[in-house]
N, C-alpha and C. Protein backbone atom coordinates (compact mmCIF):
# COMPACT_ATOMS: atom_id res chain seq x y z
N MET A 1 -8.88 -48.28 33.90
CA MET A 1 -7.71 -49.27 33.33
C MET A 1 -7.30 -47.93 32.11
N SER A 2 -6.24 -48.79 31.67
CA SER A 2 -5.05 -47.91 30.79
C SER A 2 -5.69 -47.60 29.48
N ALA A 3 -5.18 -46.64 28.27
CA ALA A 3 -6.27 -46.66 27.29
C ALA A 3 -5.64 -47.84 26.71
N LEU A 4 -6.61 -48.09 25.54
CA LEU A 4 -6.78 -49.56 25.02
C LEU A 4 -5.32 -49.34 23.72
N HIS A 5 -4.53 -48.44 24.06
CA HIS A 5 -2.71 -48.79 23.05
C HIS A 5 -2.21 -48.97 24.53
N GLU A 6 -1.97 -48.88 25.08
CA GLU A 6 -1.06 -49.31 26.99
C GLU A 6 -1.43 -50.81 27.17
N GLN A 7 -2.75 -51.68 26.82
CA GLN A 7 -3.34 -53.11 26.88
C GLN A 7 -2.18 -53.76 25.93
N GLN A 8 -2.27 -54.96 26.67
CA GLN A 8 -1.20 -56.32 26.19
C GLN A 8 -2.47 -57.01 25.87
N CYS A 9 -2.21 -57.45 24.86
CA CYS A 9 -3.42 -59.04 24.38
C CYS A 9 -3.11 -60.50 25.42
N GLU A 10 -4.10 -60.56 25.53
CA GLU A 10 -4.26 -61.67 26.28
C GLU A 10 -4.10 -63.43 24.94
N ALA A 11 -3.14 -64.00 25.75
CA ALA A 11 -4.08 -65.26 25.41
C ALA A 11 -5.23 -65.79 24.24
N CYS A 12 -5.16 -66.03 24.00
CA CYS A 12 -6.79 -66.04 22.95
C CYS A 12 -7.06 -67.74 22.40
N ARG A 13 -8.03 -68.64 23.52
CA ARG A 13 -8.19 -69.02 22.81
C ARG A 13 -9.59 -69.85 22.02
N ALA A 14 -9.89 -70.92 21.04
CA ALA A 14 -10.82 -71.19 20.45
C ALA A 14 -12.11 -70.95 21.09
N ASP A 15 -12.26 -71.52 22.86
CA ASP A 15 -13.52 -71.00 23.65
C ASP A 15 -13.43 -69.84 24.51
N ALA A 16 -12.68 -68.93 23.91
CA ALA A 16 -12.93 -67.51 24.47
C ALA A 16 -14.10 -66.85 23.82
N PRO A 17 -14.53 -66.25 24.70
CA PRO A 17 -16.25 -65.40 24.67
C PRO A 17 -15.74 -64.08 23.77
N LYS A 18 -16.73 -64.08 22.68
CA LYS A 18 -16.53 -63.07 21.48
C LYS A 18 -17.21 -62.02 22.46
N LEU A 19 -17.12 -60.87 21.95
CA LEU A 19 -17.58 -59.41 22.91
C LEU A 19 -18.57 -59.41 22.65
N SER A 20 -19.91 -58.64 23.14
CA SER A 20 -21.31 -58.72 23.48
C SER A 20 -21.62 -57.30 22.17
N ASP A 21 -22.35 -57.28 21.94
CA ASP A 21 -23.06 -55.98 21.05
C ASP A 21 -22.58 -54.69 21.78
N GLY A 22 -23.25 -54.93 23.28
CA GLY A 22 -22.96 -54.11 23.90
C GLY A 22 -21.26 -53.63 24.19
N GLU A 23 -20.55 -54.63 24.58
CA GLU A 23 -19.35 -54.37 24.48
C GLU A 23 -18.64 -53.34 23.91
N ILE A 24 -18.87 -54.10 22.58
CA ILE A 24 -18.23 -53.68 21.16
C ILE A 24 -19.01 -52.19 21.44
N GLN A 25 -19.85 -51.51 21.93
CA GLN A 25 -19.68 -49.85 21.82
C GLN A 25 -19.63 -49.29 22.74
N GLU A 26 -19.31 -50.03 23.53
CA GLU A 26 -18.58 -49.69 24.92
C GLU A 26 -17.30 -48.99 24.44
N LEU A 27 -16.57 -49.92 23.48
CA LEU A 27 -14.97 -50.17 23.12
C LEU A 27 -15.04 -49.17 22.07
N LEU A 28 -15.85 -48.96 21.43
CA LEU A 28 -15.83 -47.94 19.61
C LEU A 28 -15.45 -46.49 19.73
N PRO A 29 -16.27 -46.30 20.91
CA PRO A 29 -15.64 -44.43 21.57
C PRO A 29 -13.87 -44.31 21.80
N ASP A 30 -13.35 -45.42 22.08
CA ASP A 30 -11.65 -45.67 22.24
C ASP A 30 -11.16 -46.00 21.01
N ILE A 31 -11.57 -46.27 19.41
CA ILE A 31 -10.78 -46.22 18.35
C ILE A 31 -11.87 -45.51 17.45
N PRO A 32 -12.45 -44.20 17.47
CA PRO A 32 -13.20 -43.39 16.71
C PRO A 32 -13.67 -43.59 15.37
N ALA A 33 -12.01 -43.64 14.86
CA ALA A 33 -11.51 -43.89 12.99
C ALA A 33 -12.26 -45.03 12.65
N TRP A 34 -12.37 -46.27 13.25
CA TRP A 34 -12.86 -47.40 13.43
C TRP A 34 -14.64 -47.96 13.13
N ASP A 35 -14.48 -48.58 11.81
CA ASP A 35 -16.20 -49.01 12.67
C ASP A 35 -15.81 -50.70 12.04
N VAL A 36 -17.35 -50.98 12.31
CA VAL A 36 -18.09 -52.94 12.77
C VAL A 36 -18.11 -52.72 11.12
N VAL A 37 -17.72 -53.69 10.41
CA VAL A 37 -18.67 -54.35 9.90
C VAL A 37 -18.55 -56.18 9.34
N THR A 38 -19.32 -56.40 8.80
CA THR A 38 -19.55 -57.53 9.05
C THR A 38 -19.32 -58.69 8.02
N HIS A 39 -18.68 -59.55 8.47
CA HIS A 39 -18.15 -60.50 6.68
C HIS A 39 -18.60 -61.63 6.75
N GLY A 40 -19.82 -62.39 5.83
CA GLY A 40 -19.87 -64.18 6.51
C GLY A 40 -20.57 -63.87 7.56
N GLY A 41 -21.26 -63.15 8.15
CA GLY A 41 -21.48 -63.09 10.03
C GLY A 41 -20.71 -62.56 10.58
N ILE A 42 -19.40 -62.05 10.79
CA ILE A 42 -18.09 -61.60 11.48
C ILE A 42 -18.43 -60.57 11.52
N PRO A 43 -18.32 -60.48 12.97
CA PRO A 43 -17.79 -58.67 12.56
C PRO A 43 -16.58 -58.12 12.78
N ILE A 44 -16.03 -57.29 12.16
CA ILE A 44 -14.48 -57.07 11.77
C ILE A 44 -14.55 -55.70 12.47
N LEU A 45 -13.48 -55.19 12.81
CA LEU A 45 -13.23 -53.91 12.71
C LEU A 45 -12.31 -53.15 11.71
N THR A 46 -13.03 -52.14 11.06
CA THR A 46 -12.45 -51.69 10.03
C THR A 46 -11.54 -50.57 9.88
N ARG A 47 -10.31 -50.21 9.38
CA ARG A 47 -10.64 -48.63 8.99
C ARG A 47 -9.20 -48.50 7.84
N GLN A 48 -9.25 -47.09 6.85
CA GLN A 48 -9.19 -47.30 5.81
C GLN A 48 -7.63 -46.24 6.37
N PHE A 49 -6.22 -46.49 6.25
CA PHE A 49 -5.59 -45.14 5.86
C PHE A 49 -5.02 -44.82 4.97
N SER A 50 -4.70 -42.95 4.19
CA SER A 50 -4.50 -42.86 3.26
C SER A 50 -2.99 -42.46 3.33
N PHE A 51 -2.50 -42.03 2.68
CA PHE A 51 -0.69 -42.09 2.24
C PHE A 51 -0.96 -41.17 1.16
N LYS A 52 0.36 -40.40 0.92
CA LYS A 52 0.46 -39.49 -0.23
C LYS A 52 1.32 -39.95 -1.55
N ASN A 53 1.18 -41.74 -1.31
CA ASN A 53 1.79 -42.34 -2.63
C ASN A 53 2.19 -43.98 -1.74
N PHE A 54 2.63 -44.87 -2.67
CA PHE A 54 2.52 -45.90 -2.44
C PHE A 54 3.53 -46.62 -1.72
N ALA A 55 4.92 -45.34 -1.68
CA ALA A 55 5.97 -46.14 -0.73
C ALA A 55 5.33 -45.89 0.39
N ASP A 56 4.51 -44.49 0.87
CA ASP A 56 3.67 -44.56 2.28
C ASP A 56 3.51 -45.62 2.73
N ALA A 57 2.11 -46.23 1.71
CA ALA A 57 1.29 -46.97 1.54
C ALA A 57 1.58 -48.38 2.16
N LEU A 58 2.97 -48.73 1.95
CA LEU A 58 3.76 -49.90 1.57
C LEU A 58 4.89 -49.60 3.20
N THR A 59 5.05 -48.88 3.32
CA THR A 59 5.97 -48.35 4.90
C THR A 59 4.76 -49.32 5.89
N PHE A 60 3.74 -48.33 6.15
CA PHE A 60 2.77 -48.25 6.53
C PHE A 60 2.36 -49.79 7.65
N THR A 61 1.86 -50.48 5.65
CA THR A 61 2.13 -52.01 5.91
C THR A 61 2.90 -52.95 6.73
N GLN A 62 4.10 -52.53 6.33
CA GLN A 62 5.43 -53.12 7.08
C GLN A 62 5.25 -52.70 8.60
N SER A 63 4.95 -51.90 9.26
CA SER A 63 4.75 -51.52 10.49
C SER A 63 3.90 -52.12 11.10
N VAL A 64 2.83 -52.30 10.50
CA VAL A 64 1.64 -53.14 11.01
C VAL A 64 1.84 -54.55 11.35
N GLY A 65 2.03 -54.81 9.86
CA GLY A 65 2.91 -56.97 10.07
C GLY A 65 4.62 -57.08 11.09
N LYS A 66 5.28 -55.35 11.86
CA LYS A 66 5.56 -55.99 12.40
C LYS A 66 5.43 -56.26 13.53
N LEU A 67 3.86 -54.89 14.39
CA LEU A 67 3.36 -54.85 15.79
C LEU A 67 2.49 -56.87 15.56
N ALA A 68 2.03 -56.62 14.15
CA ALA A 68 1.43 -58.23 14.13
C ALA A 68 2.27 -59.38 14.82
N GLU A 69 3.26 -59.72 14.55
CA GLU A 69 4.03 -60.16 14.36
C GLU A 69 4.65 -60.43 16.05
N GLU A 70 5.00 -58.88 16.69
CA GLU A 70 5.03 -58.48 18.18
C GLU A 70 3.85 -58.90 18.96
N TYR A 71 2.82 -59.74 18.72
CA TYR A 71 2.07 -59.49 19.12
C TYR A 71 1.46 -61.21 18.86
N GLN A 72 1.65 -61.87 18.09
CA GLN A 72 1.03 -62.36 17.35
C GLN A 72 -0.55 -62.74 17.13
N HIS A 73 -0.61 -62.11 16.23
CA HIS A 73 -2.31 -61.38 16.42
C HIS A 73 -2.08 -60.65 14.97
N HIS A 74 -3.07 -61.46 14.26
CA HIS A 74 -3.00 -60.80 12.63
C HIS A 74 -4.05 -60.47 11.83
N PRO A 75 -3.34 -58.96 11.62
CA PRO A 75 -4.70 -58.58 10.26
C PRO A 75 -4.84 -59.05 8.84
N ALA A 76 -5.68 -58.42 8.49
CA ALA A 76 -5.85 -58.94 6.88
C ALA A 76 -5.75 -57.50 6.43
N LEU A 77 -4.81 -56.96 5.36
CA LEU A 77 -4.30 -55.61 4.86
C LEU A 77 -4.14 -56.11 3.50
N THR A 78 -4.66 -54.56 3.57
CA THR A 78 -4.73 -54.27 1.76
C THR A 78 -4.47 -53.15 2.04
N THR A 79 -2.98 -52.80 0.81
CA THR A 79 -2.34 -52.17 0.22
C THR A 79 -2.32 -51.65 -1.07
N GLU A 80 -2.43 -50.52 -0.94
CA GLU A 80 -2.36 -49.86 -2.56
C GLU A 80 -2.25 -48.82 -2.98
N TRP A 81 -2.46 -48.05 -3.45
CA TRP A 81 -1.78 -47.04 -3.68
C TRP A 81 -2.64 -45.38 -3.28
N GLY A 82 -1.32 -45.28 -2.18
CA GLY A 82 -2.40 -44.36 -1.26
C GLY A 82 -3.10 -44.95 -0.59
N LYS A 83 -3.50 -46.05 0.15
CA LYS A 83 -3.79 -45.65 0.86
C LYS A 83 -3.80 -47.17 1.26
N VAL A 84 -3.58 -47.66 2.90
CA VAL A 84 -3.65 -49.42 3.46
C VAL A 84 -5.66 -49.29 4.00
N LYS A 85 -5.80 -51.04 4.10
CA LYS A 85 -7.18 -50.76 4.84
C LYS A 85 -6.51 -52.12 5.73
N VAL A 86 -6.86 -52.02 7.00
CA VAL A 86 -6.43 -52.84 8.04
C VAL A 86 -7.79 -53.38 8.53
N GLU A 87 -7.89 -54.87 8.65
CA GLU A 87 -9.40 -55.50 9.16
C GLU A 87 -8.16 -56.67 10.49
N TRP A 88 -9.53 -56.68 11.45
CA TRP A 88 -8.41 -56.61 12.61
C TRP A 88 -10.28 -57.87 13.09
N TRP A 89 -9.95 -59.06 13.89
CA TRP A 89 -10.35 -59.80 14.11
C TRP A 89 -10.24 -61.10 14.66
N THR A 90 -11.03 -61.63 15.33
CA THR A 90 -9.91 -62.70 16.15
C THR A 90 -10.31 -63.99 15.41
N HIS A 91 -9.71 -64.90 14.97
CA HIS A 91 -10.26 -65.71 13.59
C HIS A 91 -10.64 -67.30 14.39
N LYS A 92 -10.00 -66.94 15.68
CA LYS A 92 -10.62 -68.44 16.38
C LYS A 92 -11.73 -68.47 16.77
N ILE A 93 -12.13 -67.08 17.04
CA ILE A 93 -13.46 -67.33 17.55
C ILE A 93 -14.58 -66.88 16.53
N LYS A 94 -13.94 -66.48 15.61
CA LYS A 94 -14.81 -66.00 14.82
C LYS A 94 -16.03 -64.69 15.01
N GLY A 95 -14.90 -64.14 15.66
CA GLY A 95 -15.89 -62.35 16.43
C GLY A 95 -14.69 -61.65 16.62
N LEU A 96 -15.16 -60.35 17.26
CA LEU A 96 -14.24 -59.62 17.89
C LEU A 96 -14.15 -60.08 19.42
N HIS A 97 -12.25 -60.13 20.04
CA HIS A 97 -12.16 -59.94 21.41
C HIS A 97 -11.23 -58.87 21.73
N ARG A 98 -11.51 -58.49 22.83
CA ARG A 98 -11.31 -57.36 22.98
C ARG A 98 -9.51 -56.83 22.60
N ASN A 99 -8.53 -58.25 22.42
CA ASN A 99 -7.21 -58.23 21.63
C ASN A 99 -7.68 -57.68 20.36
N ASP A 100 -8.46 -57.47 19.78
CA ASP A 100 -9.27 -56.58 18.61
C ASP A 100 -8.98 -55.14 18.21
N PHE A 101 -9.77 -54.76 19.50
CA PHE A 101 -9.88 -53.68 19.85
C PHE A 101 -8.12 -52.83 20.17
N VAL A 102 -7.42 -53.88 20.81
CA VAL A 102 -6.25 -53.28 21.62
C VAL A 102 -5.33 -52.84 20.47
N MET A 103 -5.21 -54.01 19.02
CA MET A 103 -4.91 -53.69 18.12
C MET A 103 -4.94 -52.52 17.60
N ALA A 104 -6.06 -52.36 17.74
CA ALA A 104 -6.25 -50.73 16.48
C ALA A 104 -6.21 -50.13 17.29
N ALA A 105 -6.23 -49.82 18.06
CA ALA A 105 -5.49 -49.04 19.21
C ALA A 105 -3.74 -48.70 18.97
N LYS A 106 -3.45 -49.81 18.18
CA LYS A 106 -2.00 -49.73 18.76
C LYS A 106 -1.94 -49.77 17.01
N THR A 107 -3.00 -49.43 16.59
CA THR A 107 -2.46 -49.74 14.59
C THR A 107 -2.56 -48.14 15.10
N ASP A 108 -3.51 -47.52 15.31
CA ASP A 108 -3.22 -45.58 15.18
C ASP A 108 -2.24 -44.83 15.63
N LYS A 109 -1.36 -45.76 17.19
CA LYS A 109 -0.34 -45.39 17.62
C LYS A 109 0.91 -45.40 16.59
N LEU A 110 0.79 -45.54 15.47
CA LEU A 110 1.69 -46.66 14.43
C LEU A 110 1.42 -44.92 13.34
């Protein structure tokens, strides 16, 4: 199988299966800088990126936004001075799908 960042997202339906805990653990080594946190019972991939100033953080935020639009899969983005927090999860299934790992890997490549 190709590296996660080389894979494409698949169309996700509301009845798509969530990744199991075991599947999540298998995929996490491919995106080692990311963590899984739970908010309101929903597992979310999260990572904070650091930058030397607000302008660089904002440029990165815009790059993630373009990526999200390209794949029609959108993260939560929090931009602050010198940092950007990116959170991926699949809203339709209220959990993690392989697409979230693909998008996290693509985000790392930015």
